[in-house]
Amino acid sequence: MLTDEFIDQVFDPVATLNLKLISLSDLADEEVERWHPRWSLQPADLRGSIIDRLETLTEDNTEINFDAIYRVALGDPEPELRIKAIDALWECNERWLLNTLVDLTEDDLEPEVRATAAGHLERFVLLGLQEELRPSLLEKVESTLRRILANDREDSPVRRRALEALSPGDDDDVNDLIRDAYHSRDHDLRLGAIYAMGQHYDTQWLPALLAELKNPDPEIRYEAARACGALEDERALPALIELTKSMDSDVQEAAITSLGQIGGREAKRVLTECLTSPTPRVKEAAQAALEELAFGEDPLRGMPR
C-alpha cells in the first residue's frame, strides 16, 4: 500500500530511490487518489525527473507498469510534462487513453501538446485496421483527425501529425488527403505527406519519394528515406545507398535503416560496409539494420526448433 511516508521519500530530491520507485507500479485507484494531490504540489522539474526515472526503470523491466502515474501527469499544468506523459504511454492501448488523446488533440491550449497527442492516435488507427478496436472508436479517432486536418486555422505541426496518424487508414480518400498536403505550400504538411506516403503503403507514391530523396532540404530527404523503407520497394535501393554517404547524419541513418527494411544482397553488402564506419551512430544503425534484414530473411531465427 502506498503510504504518505513513501511518497515523501519519492519527492525527496536527494534520495536515491530507483529500486523503491518500482513500488509505484500498478497503483490501485485508492493509491492514485493519495498520490495525485501530493504530485501537484511538487516543483515542475522534480515532477519531470520522476517521469524520466520511471521510464528508465521500464526500459530494464518490462513487467512493471507506471501508467497510473503517467495518467496523472496527462493533466499536469506544464505542457512539457503533458508531452512526457503522452510519450511515456506509447505502449498503452486502453480506451481511457484513446479518449484522453482525442480531448488533448482538440482542446489543449498548447500546439505542441495537440501535435503530440494527434501523432499518438496513429496506433489506434492501426488497431482499428487490425480489427482490435471497436469500429465506433476507430470512427471517433479518424473523425477527430479529419477535423484537425481540415481546420486551416489550426497550427501546421498539429495538422501534419493528424495527417500522419490518418495515413495507415484504408479509406478511399486518404490518398487525396496526402496529395493535397504534398502539393500545398506548407512545409510541415509536405513533410507529413511524405511520411504518410510510406505509411499508407501505396507504391504509386514511389516516383515522388525517389524525387524527394534528391531534395536539397534534409528534412524532406529524411522523411522520404523513411517512407521508402516503409514501402519496402527494391527500386529505391540505389538512391538509398547513395544517401548512406550523406553529410547529414539523420538522413544517413534513415537511409541505413531503410536498407534493412527493404533487404536484398546489395543492401546487405552496403550495410556490412557501414559497420566499418568510424562514426558510432552509423555503426549502430547498420548493426540494427542488419539484424532486421536477417529477421526478414528468417523470422524463426533464434527460436527453439
C-alpha atoms as a PDB file:
ATOM      1  CA  MET A   1       0.000   0.000   0.000  1.00  0.00           C
ATOM      2  CA  LEU A   2       1.291   3.423  -0.965  1.00  0.00           C
ATOM      3  CA  THR A   3       1.921   5.389   2.241  1.00  0.00           C
ATOM      4  CA  ASP A   4       2.436   9.080   2.925  1.00  0.00           C
ATOM      5  CA  GLU A   5       5.908   8.286   4.219  1.00  0.00           C
ATOM      6  CA  PHE A   6       6.885   6.567   0.984  1.00  0.00           C
ATOM      7  CA  ILE A   7       5.501   9.442  -1.113  1.00  0.00           C
ATOM      8  CA  ASP A   8       7.614  11.848   0.949  1.00  0.00           C
ATOM      9  CA  GLN A   9      10.676   9.743   0.119  1.00  0.00           C
ATOM     10  CA  VAL A  10       9.836   9.752  -3.598  1.00  0.00           C
ATOM     11  CA  PHE A  11       9.644  13.540  -3.583  1.00  0.00           C
ATOM     12  CA  ASP A  12      12.904  13.937  -1.659  1.00  0.00           C
ATOM     13  CA  PRO A  13      15.299  15.295  -4.343  1.00  0.00           C
ATOM     14  CA  VAL A  14      18.387  13.938  -2.577  1.00  0.00           C
ATOM     15  CA  ALA A  15      17.059  10.410  -2.137  1.00  0.00           C
ATOM     16  CA  THR A  16      18.259   7.609  -4.391  1.00  0.00           C
ATOM     17  CA  LEU A  17      15.124   5.574  -4.808  1.00  0.00           C
ATOM     18  CA  ASN A  18      15.275   3.898  -8.200  1.00  0.00           C
ATOM     19  CA  LEU A  19      14.627   0.486  -6.676  1.00  0.00           C
ATOM     20  CA  LYS A  20      11.882   1.763  -4.394  1.00  0.00           C
ATOM     21  CA  LEU A  21      10.212   3.523  -7.318  1.00  0.00           C
ATOM     22  CA  ILE A  22       9.173   0.086  -8.526  1.00  0.00           C
ATOM     23  CA  SER A  23       6.585   0.307  -5.745  1.00  0.00           C
ATOM     24  CA  LEU A  24       4.754   2.841  -7.924  1.00  0.00           C
ATOM     25  CA  SER A  25       3.975   0.117 -10.445  1.00  0.00           C
ATOM     26  CA  ASP A  26       0.330  -0.882 -10.959  1.00  0.00           C
ATOM     27  CA  LEU A  27      -1.149   1.528  -8.425  1.00  0.00           C
ATOM     28  CA  ALA A  28      -4.720   0.862  -7.336  1.00  0.00           C
ATOM     29  CA  ASP A  29      -7.334   3.619  -7.646  1.00  0.00           C
ATOM     30  CA  GLU A  30      -7.175   4.496  -3.957  1.00  0.00           C
ATOM     31  CA  GLU A  31      -3.379   4.783  -4.163  1.00  0.00           C
ATOM     32  CA  VAL A  32      -3.665   7.136  -7.121  1.00  0.00           C
ATOM     33  CA  GLU A  33      -6.044   9.288  -5.073  1.00  0.00           C
ATOM     34  CA  ARG A  34      -3.364   9.517  -2.382  1.00  0.00           C
ATOM     35  CA  TRP A  35      -0.628  10.282  -4.921  1.00  0.00           C
ATOM     36  CA  HIS A  36      -2.395  12.868  -7.068  1.00  0.00           C
ATOM     37  CA  PRO A  37      -2.687  15.832  -4.653  1.00  0.00           C
ATOM     38  CA  ARG A  38       0.895  15.376  -3.439  1.00  0.00           C
ATOM     39  CA  TRP A  39       2.182  15.243  -7.017  1.00  0.00           C
ATOM     40  CA  SER A  40       0.552  18.580  -7.835  1.00  0.00           C
ATOM     41  CA  LEU A  41       2.440  20.323  -5.024  1.00  0.00           C
ATOM     42  CA  GLN A  42       5.914  19.372  -6.262  1.00  0.00           C
ATOM     43  CA  PRO A  43       8.173  21.618  -8.393  1.00  0.00           C
ATOM     44  CA  ALA A  44       7.844  21.035 -12.125  1.00  0.00           C
ATOM     45  CA  ASP A  45      11.472  19.974 -12.539  1.00  0.00           C
ATOM     46  CA  LEU A  46      11.058  17.311  -9.848  1.00  0.00           C
ATOM     47  CA  ARG A  47       7.863  16.017 -11.461  1.00  0.00           C
ATOM     48  CA  GLY A  48       9.670  15.789 -14.776  1.00  0.00           C
ATOM     49  CA  SER A  49      12.660  13.979 -13.329  1.00  0.00           C
ATOM     50  CA  ILE A  50      10.379  11.395 -11.711  1.00  0.00           C
ATOM     51  CA  ILE A  51       8.754  10.637 -15.059  1.00  0.00           C
ATOM     52  CA  ASP A  52      12.213  10.284 -16.614  1.00  0.00           C
ATOM     53  CA  ARG A  53      13.329   7.897 -13.868  1.00  0.00           C
ATOM     54  CA  LEU A  54      10.213   5.780 -14.212  1.00  0.00           C
ATOM     55  CA  GLU A  55      10.766   5.476 -17.960  1.00  0.00           C
ATOM     56  CA  THR A  56      14.363   4.379 -17.341  1.00  0.00           C
ATOM     57  CA  LEU A  57      13.122   1.674 -14.998  1.00  0.00           C
ATOM     58  CA  THR A  58      10.680   0.314 -17.578  1.00  0.00           C
ATOM     59  CA  GLU A  59      13.482   0.025 -20.131  1.00  0.00           C
ATOM     60  CA  ASP A  60      15.117  -2.542 -17.867  1.00  0.00           C
ATOM     61  CA  ASN A  61      11.971  -4.295 -16.623  1.00  0.00           C
ATOM     62  CA  THR A  62       9.059  -4.829 -18.975  1.00  0.00           C
ATOM     63  CA  GLU A  63       6.858  -6.277 -16.251  1.00  0.00           C
ATOM     64  CA  ILE A  64       6.415  -3.018 -14.331  1.00  0.00           C
ATOM     65  CA  ASN A  65       3.727  -0.534 -15.286  1.00  0.00           C
ATOM     66  CA  PHE A  66       3.593   3.125 -14.320  1.00  0.00           C
ATOM     67  CA  ASP A  67       0.600   4.058 -16.478  1.00  0.00           C
ATOM     68  CA  ALA A  68      -1.342   5.275 -13.433  1.00  0.00           C
ATOM     69  CA  ILE A  69       1.417   7.802 -12.693  1.00  0.00           C
ATOM     70  CA  TYR A  70       1.587   8.917 -16.308  1.00  0.00           C
ATOM     71  CA  ARG A  71      -2.192   9.246 -16.392  1.00  0.00           C
ATOM     72  CA  VAL A  72      -1.999  11.764 -13.559  1.00  0.00           C
ATOM     73  CA  ALA A  73       0.717  13.646 -15.452  1.00  0.00           C
ATOM     74  CA  LEU A  74      -1.514  13.969 -18.523  1.00  0.00           C
ATOM     75  CA  GLY A  75      -3.332  16.673 -16.576  1.00  0.00           C
ATOM     76  CA  ASP A  76      -0.164  18.446 -15.443  1.00  0.00           C
ATOM     77  CA  PRO A  77      -0.238  22.257 -15.770  1.00  0.00           C
ATOM     78  CA  GLU A  78       3.161  22.163 -17.503  1.00  0.00           C
ATOM     79  CA  PRO A  79       2.893  21.410 -21.250  1.00  0.00           C
ATOM     80  CA  GLU A  80       6.303  19.754 -21.284  1.00  0.00           C
ATOM     81  CA  LEU A  81       5.177  17.252 -18.667  1.00  0.00           C
ATOM     82  CA  ARG A  82       1.941  16.507 -20.504  1.00  0.00           C
ATOM     83  CA  ILE A  83       4.072  15.696 -23.540  1.00  0.00           C
ATOM     84  CA  LYS A  84       6.375  13.492 -21.449  1.00  0.00           C
ATOM     85  CA  ALA A  85       3.350  11.611 -20.140  1.00  0.00           C
ATOM     86  CA  ILE A  86       1.889  11.087 -23.628  1.00  0.00           C
ATOM     87  CA  ASP A  87       5.207   9.744 -24.899  1.00  0.00           C
ATOM     88  CA  ALA A  88       5.614   7.511 -21.847  1.00  0.00           C
ATOM     89  CA  LEU A  89       2.261   5.875 -22.617  1.00  0.00           C
ATOM     90  CA  TRP A  90       3.330   4.769 -26.092  1.00  0.00           C
ATOM     91  CA  GLU A  91       2.517   1.117 -25.363  1.00  0.00           C
ATOM     92  CA  CYS A  92      -0.867   1.756 -23.740  1.00  0.00           C
ATOM     93  CA  ASN A  93      -3.880   0.873 -25.908  1.00  0.00           C
ATOM     94  CA  GLU A  94      -6.581   1.405 -23.306  1.00  0.00           C
ATOM     95  CA  ARG A  95      -9.836   3.126 -24.178  1.00  0.00           C
ATOM     96  CA  TRP A  96      -9.311   5.799 -21.494  1.00  0.00           C
ATOM     97  CA  LEU A  97      -6.097   6.863 -23.236  1.00  0.00           C
ATOM     98  CA  LEU A  98      -7.784   6.999 -26.627  1.00  0.00           C
ATOM     99  CA  ASN A  99     -10.434   9.336 -25.190  1.00  0.00           C
ATOM    100  CA  THR A 100      -7.822  11.466 -23.425  1.00  0.00           C
ATOM    101  CA  LEU A 101      -5.686  11.792 -26.559  1.00  0.00           C
ATOM    102  CA  VAL A 102      -8.741  12.852 -28.557  1.00  0.00           C
ATOM    103  CA  ASP A 103      -9.519  15.520 -25.956  1.00  0.00           C
ATOM    104  CA  LEU A 104      -5.915  16.764 -25.876  1.00  0.00           C
ATOM    105  CA  THR A 105      -5.742  16.838 -29.669  1.00  0.00           C
ATOM    106  CA  GLU A 106      -8.811  19.024 -29.906  1.00  0.00           C
ATOM    107  CA  ASP A 107      -8.733  21.110 -26.741  1.00  0.00           C
ATOM    108  CA  ASP A 108      -5.247  21.510 -25.258  1.00  0.00           C
ATOM    109  CA  LEU A 109      -4.105  25.119 -25.269  1.00  0.00           C
ATOM    110  CA  GLU A 110      -0.558  24.279 -26.385  1.00  0.00           C
ATOM    111  CA  PRO A 111       0.042  23.390 -30.051  1.00  0.00           C
ATOM    112  CA  GLU A 112       2.948  21.093 -29.202  1.00  0.00           C
ATOM    113  CA  VAL A 113       0.747  19.056 -26.882  1.00  0.00           C
ATOM    114  CA  ARG A 114      -2.004  18.873 -29.501  1.00  0.00           C
ATOM    115  CA  ALA A 115       0.511  17.719 -32.107  1.00  0.00           C
ATOM    116  CA  THR A 116       1.981  15.061 -29.823  1.00  0.00           C
ATOM    117  CA  ALA A 117      -1.449  13.735 -28.905  1.00  0.00           C
ATOM    118  CA  ALA A 118      -2.530  13.629 -32.554  1.00  0.00           C
ATOM    119  CA  GLY A 119       0.603  11.703 -33.505  1.00  0.00           C
ATOM    120  CA  HIS A 120      -0.036   9.063 -30.863  1.00  0.00           C
ATOM    121  CA  LEU A 121      -3.511   8.432 -32.243  1.00  0.00           C
ATOM    122  CA  GLU A 122      -1.887   6.663 -35.196  1.00  0.00           C
ATOM    123  CA  ARG A 123      -1.552   3.424 -33.266  1.00  0.00           C
ATOM    124  CA  PHE A 124      -5.293   3.414 -32.579  1.00  0.00           C
ATOM    125  CA  VAL A 125      -5.915   3.778 -36.318  1.00  0.00           C
ATOM    126  CA  LEU A 126      -3.660   0.755 -36.818  1.00  0.00           C
ATOM    127  CA  LEU A 127      -5.511  -1.177 -34.123  1.00  0.00           C
ATOM    128  CA  GLY A 128      -8.760  -0.398 -35.898  1.00  0.00           C
ATOM    129  CA  LEU A 129      -7.407  -1.688 -39.195  1.00  0.00           C
ATOM    130  CA  GLN A 130      -6.329  -4.871 -37.427  1.00  0.00           C
ATOM    131  CA  GLU A 131      -9.861  -5.227 -36.027  1.00  0.00           C
ATOM    132  CA  GLU A 132      -8.515  -4.887 -32.489  1.00  0.00           C
ATOM    133  CA  LEU A 133     -10.543  -1.733 -31.836  1.00  0.00           C
ATOM    134  CA  ARG A 134     -14.286  -1.281 -31.947  1.00  0.00           C
ATOM    135  CA  PRO A 135     -15.434   0.378 -35.208  1.00  0.00           C
ATOM    136  CA  SER A 136     -17.136   3.175 -33.255  1.00  0.00           C
ATOM    137  CA  LEU A 137     -13.856   4.048 -31.531  1.00  0.00           C
ATOM    138  CA  LEU A 138     -11.946   3.973 -34.810  1.00  0.00           C
ATOM    139  CA  GLU A 139     -14.553   6.318 -36.253  1.00  0.00           C
ATOM    140  CA  LYS A 140     -14.118   8.640 -33.290  1.00  0.00           C
ATOM    141  CA  VAL A 141     -10.359   8.788 -33.796  1.00  0.00           C
ATOM    142  CA  GLU A 142     -10.474   9.233 -37.555  1.00  0.00           C
ATOM    143  CA  SER A 143     -13.201  11.880 -37.463  1.00  0.00           C
ATOM    144  CA  THR A 144     -11.187  13.857 -34.909  1.00  0.00           C
ATOM    145  CA  LEU A 145      -8.080  13.694 -37.056  1.00  0.00           C
ATOM    146  CA  ARG A 146     -10.015  14.702 -40.155  1.00  0.00           C
ATOM    147  CA  ARG A 147     -11.469  17.741 -38.376  1.00  0.00           C
ATOM    148  CA  ILE A 148      -7.997  18.810 -37.285  1.00  0.00           C
ATOM    149  CA  LEU A 149      -6.554  18.347 -40.771  1.00  0.00           C
ATOM    150  CA  ALA A 150      -9.402  20.295 -42.389  1.00  0.00           C
ATOM    151  CA  ASN A 151      -9.063  23.225 -39.978  1.00  0.00           C
ATOM    152  CA  ASP A 152      -6.962  25.856 -41.778  1.00  0.00           C
ATOM    153  CA  ARG A 153      -6.716  27.863 -38.558  1.00  0.00           C
ATOM    154  CA  GLU A 154      -5.000  25.026 -36.704  1.00  0.00           C
ATOM    155  CA  ASP A 155      -1.220  25.167 -36.333  1.00  0.00           C
ATOM    156  CA  SER A 156       0.614  23.390 -39.157  1.00  0.00           C
ATOM    157  CA  PRO A 157       2.526  20.903 -36.949  1.00  0.00           C
ATOM    158  CA  VAL A 158      -0.783  19.723 -35.468  1.00  0.00           C
ATOM    159  CA  ARG A 159      -2.335  19.247 -38.900  1.00  0.00           C
ATOM    160  CA  ARG A 160       0.806  17.435 -40.013  1.00  0.00           C
ATOM    161  CA  ARG A 161       0.561  14.927 -37.157  1.00  0.00           C
ATOM    162  CA  ALA A 162      -3.150  14.453 -37.838  1.00  0.00           C
ATOM    163  CA  LEU A 163      -2.386  13.520 -41.452  1.00  0.00           C
ATOM    164  CA  GLU A 164       0.384  11.176 -40.375  1.00  0.00           C
ATOM    165  CA  ALA A 165      -1.914   9.469 -37.888  1.00  0.00           C
ATOM    166  CA  LEU A 166      -4.608   9.017 -40.545  1.00  0.00           C
ATOM    167  CA  SER A 167      -2.196   7.703 -43.159  1.00  0.00           C
ATOM    168  CA  PRO A 168      -2.451   3.947 -42.419  1.00  0.00           C
ATOM    169  CA  GLY A 169      -6.218   4.149 -42.988  1.00  0.00           C
ATOM    170  CA  ASP A 170      -7.748   2.328 -45.931  1.00  0.00           C
ATOM    171  CA  ASP A 171     -10.492   4.830 -46.780  1.00  0.00           C
ATOM    172  CA  ASP A 172     -10.585   5.810 -50.452  1.00  0.00           C
ATOM    173  CA  ASP A 173      -9.865   9.481 -49.774  1.00  0.00           C
ATOM    174  CA  VAL A 174      -6.620   9.028 -47.819  1.00  0.00           C
ATOM    175  CA  ASN A 175      -4.544   9.301 -50.988  1.00  0.00           C
ATOM    176  CA  ASP A 176      -6.418  12.507 -51.816  1.00  0.00           C
ATOM    177  CA  LEU A 177      -5.562  13.936 -48.399  1.00  0.00           C
ATOM    178  CA  ILE A 178      -1.923  13.003 -48.896  1.00  0.00           C
ATOM    179  CA  ARG A 179      -1.887  14.526 -52.382  1.00  0.00           C
ATOM    180  CA  ASP A 180      -3.438  17.812 -51.228  1.00  0.00           C
ATOM    181  CA  ALA A 181      -0.896  18.132 -48.409  1.00  0.00           C
ATOM    182  CA  TYR A 182       2.005  17.211 -50.672  1.00  0.00           C
ATOM    183  CA  HIS A 183       1.132  19.918 -53.176  1.00  0.00           C
ATOM    184  CA  SER A 184       0.499  22.583 -50.550  1.00  0.00           C
ATOM    185  CA  ARG A 185       2.937  25.377 -49.810  1.00  0.00           C
ATOM    186  CA  ASP A 186       3.014  24.461 -46.136  1.00  0.00           C
ATOM    187  CA  HIS A 187       6.356  22.875 -45.276  1.00  0.00           C
ATOM    188  CA  ASP A 188       5.011  20.909 -42.298  1.00  0.00           C
ATOM    189  CA  LEU A 189       2.146  19.480 -44.324  1.00  0.00           C
ATOM    190  CA  ARG A 190       4.511  18.447 -47.091  1.00  0.00           C
ATOM    191  CA  LEU A 191       6.701  16.633 -44.556  1.00  0.00           C
ATOM    192  CA  GLY A 192       3.609  14.927 -43.167  1.00  0.00           C
ATOM    193  CA  ALA A 193       2.505  13.925 -46.663  1.00  0.00           C
ATOM    194  CA  ILE A 194       5.877  12.320 -47.425  1.00  0.00           C
ATOM    195  CA  TYR A 195       5.741  10.343 -44.183  1.00  0.00           C
ATOM    196  CA  ALA A 196       2.161   9.346 -44.994  1.00  0.00           C
ATOM    197  CA  MET A 197       3.156   8.023 -48.422  1.00  0.00           C
ATOM    198  CA  GLY A 198       5.120   5.287 -46.705  1.00  0.00           C
ATOM    199  CA  GLN A 199       2.585   4.518 -44.009  1.00  0.00           C
ATOM    200  CA  HIS A 200      -0.284   4.285 -46.488  1.00  0.00           C
ATOM    201  CA  TYR A 201       1.741   1.605 -48.261  1.00  0.00           C
ATOM    202  CA  ASP A 202       0.798   2.532 -51.810  1.00  0.00           C
ATOM    203  CA  THR A 203       3.610   2.199 -54.343  1.00  0.00           C
ATOM    204  CA  GLN A 204       2.036   4.845 -56.566  1.00  0.00           C
ATOM    205  CA  TRP A 205       3.960   7.290 -54.353  1.00  0.00           C
ATOM    206  CA  LEU A 206       7.371   5.784 -55.095  1.00  0.00           C
ATOM    207  CA  PRO A 207       8.245   8.149 -58.014  1.00  0.00           C
ATOM    208  CA  ALA A 208       7.528  11.167 -55.816  1.00  0.00           C
ATOM    209  CA  LEU A 209       9.609   9.710 -52.981  1.00  0.00           C
ATOM    210  CA  LEU A 210      12.532   8.955 -55.283  1.00  0.00           C
ATOM    211  CA  ALA A 211      12.449  12.551 -56.465  1.00  0.00           C
ATOM    212  CA  GLU A 212      12.367  13.852 -52.899  1.00  0.00           C
ATOM    213  CA  LEU A 213      15.421  11.781 -51.976  1.00  0.00           C
ATOM    214  CA  LYS A 214      17.327  14.369 -54.026  1.00  0.00           C
ATOM    215  CA  ASN A 215      15.620  17.377 -52.447  1.00  0.00           C
ATOM    216  CA  PRO A 216      18.100  19.950 -51.066  1.00  0.00           C
ATOM    217  CA  ASP A 217      16.065  20.115 -47.832  1.00  0.00           C
ATOM    218  CA  PRO A 218      17.470  17.500 -45.401  1.00  0.00           C
ATOM    219  CA  GLU A 219      14.150  17.222 -43.545  1.00  0.00           C
ATOM    220  CA  ILE A 220      12.435  16.184 -46.763  1.00  0.00           C
ATOM    221  CA  ARG A 221      15.215  13.756 -47.686  1.00  0.00           C
ATOM    222  CA  TYR A 222      14.941  12.242 -44.201  1.00  0.00           C
ATOM    223  CA  GLU A 223      11.184  11.675 -44.438  1.00  0.00           C
ATOM    224  CA  ALA A 224      11.483  10.373 -47.996  1.00  0.00           C
ATOM    225  CA  ALA A 225      14.160   7.883 -46.955  1.00  0.00           C
ATOM    226  CA  ARG A 226      11.997   6.617 -44.097  1.00  0.00           C
ATOM    227  CA  ALA A 227       8.970   6.333 -46.381  1.00  0.00           C
ATOM    228  CA  CYS A 228      10.925   4.307 -48.940  1.00  0.00           C
ATOM    229  CA  GLY A 229      11.824   1.871 -46.189  1.00  0.00           C
ATOM    230  CA  ALA A 230       8.190   1.573 -45.181  1.00  0.00           C
ATOM    231  CA  LEU A 231       7.214   0.766 -48.788  1.00  0.00           C
ATOM    232  CA  GLU A 232       9.923  -1.942 -48.941  1.00  0.00           C
ATOM    233  CA  ASP A 233      10.338  -1.456 -52.690  1.00  0.00           C
ATOM    234  CA  GLU A 234      13.701  -2.538 -54.110  1.00  0.00           C
ATOM    235  CA  ARG A 235      13.554   0.200 -56.746  1.00  0.00           C
ATOM    236  CA  ALA A 236      14.535   2.658 -54.005  1.00  0.00           C
ATOM    237  CA  LEU A 237      17.787   0.826 -53.186  1.00  0.00           C
ATOM    238  CA  PRO A 238      20.194   2.751 -55.489  1.00  0.00           C
ATOM    239  CA  ALA A 239      19.077   6.153 -54.179  1.00  0.00           C
ATOM    240  CA  LEU A 240      19.110   4.989 -50.568  1.00  0.00           C
ATOM    241  CA  ILE A 241      22.584   3.510 -50.966  1.00  0.00           C
ATOM    242  CA  GLU A 242      23.767   6.880 -52.197  1.00  0.00           C
ATOM    243  CA  LEU A 243      22.238   8.541 -49.137  1.00  0.00           C
ATOM    244  CA  THR A 244      24.248   6.319 -46.803  1.00  0.00           C
ATOM    245  CA  LYS A 245      27.097   8.697 -47.694  1.00  0.00           C
ATOM    246  CA  SER A 246      25.066  11.807 -46.816  1.00  0.00           C
ATOM    247  CA  MET A 247      26.763  14.509 -44.756  1.00  0.00           C
ATOM    248  CA  ASP A 248      23.546  14.892 -42.778  1.00  0.00           C
ATOM    249  CA  SER A 249      23.675  12.244 -40.049  1.00  0.00           C
ATOM    250  CA  ASP A 250      19.896  11.961 -39.687  1.00  0.00           C
ATOM    251  CA  VAL A 251      19.435  11.397 -43.422  1.00  0.00           C
ATOM    252  CA  GLN A 252      22.308   8.925 -43.428  1.00  0.00           C
ATOM    253  CA  GLU A 253      20.815   6.897 -40.571  1.00  0.00           C
ATOM    254  CA  ALA A 254      17.345   6.947 -42.122  1.00  0.00           C
ATOM    255  CA  ALA A 255      18.779   5.549 -45.358  1.00  0.00           C
ATOM    256  CA  ILE A 256      20.657   2.830 -43.457  1.00  0.00           C
ATOM    257  CA  THR A 257      17.530   1.846 -41.540  1.00  0.00           C
ATOM    258  CA  SER A 258      15.505   1.657 -44.743  1.00  0.00           C
ATOM    259  CA  LEU A 259      18.065  -0.623 -46.371  1.00  0.00           C
ATOM    260  CA  GLY A 260      17.459  -3.055 -43.535  1.00  0.00           C
ATOM    261  CA  GLN A 261      13.718  -2.892 -44.125  1.00  0.00           C
ATOM    262  CA  ILE A 262      13.977  -3.471 -47.880  1.00  0.00           C
ATOM    263  CA  GLY A 263      16.700  -6.087 -47.706  1.00  0.00           C
ATOM    264  CA  GLY A 264      18.421  -7.925 -50.524  1.00  0.00           C
ATOM    265  CA  ARG A 265      22.016  -8.815 -51.340  1.00  0.00           C
ATOM    266  CA  GLU A 266      23.125  -5.304 -52.306  1.00  0.00           C
ATOM    267  CA  ALA A 267      21.566  -3.771 -49.201  1.00  0.00           C
ATOM    268  CA  LYS A 268      23.339  -6.334 -47.035  1.00  0.00           C
ATOM    269  CA  ARG A 269      26.669  -5.581 -48.714  1.00  0.00           C
ATOM    270  CA  VAL A 270      26.364  -1.841 -48.124  1.00  0.00           C
ATOM    271  CA  LEU A 271      25.223  -2.296 -44.527  1.00  0.00           C
ATOM    272  CA  THR A 272      28.179  -4.567 -43.852  1.00  0.00           C
ATOM    273  CA  GLU A 273      30.492  -1.864 -45.201  1.00  0.00           C
ATOM    274  CA  CYS A 274      28.829   0.652 -42.876  1.00  0.00           C
ATOM    275  CA  LEU A 275      29.934  -1.470 -39.905  1.00  0.00           C
ATOM    276  CA  THR A 276      33.488  -0.226 -40.561  1.00  0.00           C
ATOM    277  CA  SER A 277      32.456   3.432 -40.235  1.00  0.00           C
ATOM    278  CA  PRO A 278      34.428   5.462 -37.667  1.00  0.00           C
ATOM    279  CA  THR A 279      31.129   7.050 -36.590  1.00  0.00           C
ATOM    280  CA  PRO A 280      29.495   5.129 -33.711  1.00  0.00           C
ATOM    281  CA  ARG A 281      25.949   6.154 -34.693  1.00  0.00           C
ATOM    282  CA  VAL A 282      26.449   4.856 -38.222  1.00  0.00           C
ATOM    283  CA  LYS A 283      27.828   1.538 -36.934  1.00  0.00           C
ATOM    284  CA  GLU A 284      24.923   1.158 -34.504  1.00  0.00           C
ATOM    285  CA  ALA A 285      22.353   1.961 -37.199  1.00  0.00           C
ATOM    286  CA  ALA A 286      23.988  -0.507 -39.592  1.00  0.00           C
ATOM    287  CA  GLN A 287      24.054  -3.251 -36.967  1.00  0.00           C
ATOM    288  CA  ALA A 288      20.362  -2.728 -36.169  1.00  0.00           C
ATOM    289  CA  ALA A 289      19.511  -2.706 -39.880  1.00  0.00           C
ATOM    290  CA  LEU A 290      21.427  -5.939 -40.481  1.00  0.00           C
ATOM    291  CA  GLU A 291      19.560  -7.572 -37.605  1.00  0.00           C
ATOM    292  CA  GLU A 292      16.238  -6.503 -39.125  1.00  0.00           C
ATOM    293  CA  LEU A 293      17.338  -7.727 -42.535  1.00  0.00           C
ATOM    294  CA  ALA A 294      18.320 -11.095 -41.048  1.00  0.00           C
ATOM    295  CA  PHE A 295      14.984 -11.366 -39.266  1.00  0.00           C
ATOM    296  CA  GLY A 296      13.185 -10.634 -42.530  1.00  0.00           C
ATOM    297  CA  GLU A 297      15.119 -13.426 -44.223  1.00  0.00           C
ATOM    298  CA  ASP A 298      14.467 -15.880 -41.375  1.00  0.00           C
ATOM    299  CA  PRO A 299      11.750 -14.808 -38.896  1.00  0.00           C
ATOM    300  CA  LEU A 300      12.266 -18.022 -36.902  1.00  0.00           C
ATOM    301  CA  ARG A 301      15.965 -17.364 -36.306  1.00  0.00           C
ATOM    302  CA  GLY A 302      16.846 -17.670 -32.647  1.00  0.00           C
ATOM    303  CA  MET A 303      13.653 -19.543 -31.775  1.00  0.00           C
ATOM    304  CA  PRO A 304      13.773 -23.132 -30.480  1.00  0.00           C
ATOM    305  CA  ARG A 305      13.122 -25.661 -33.203  1.00  0.00           C
END
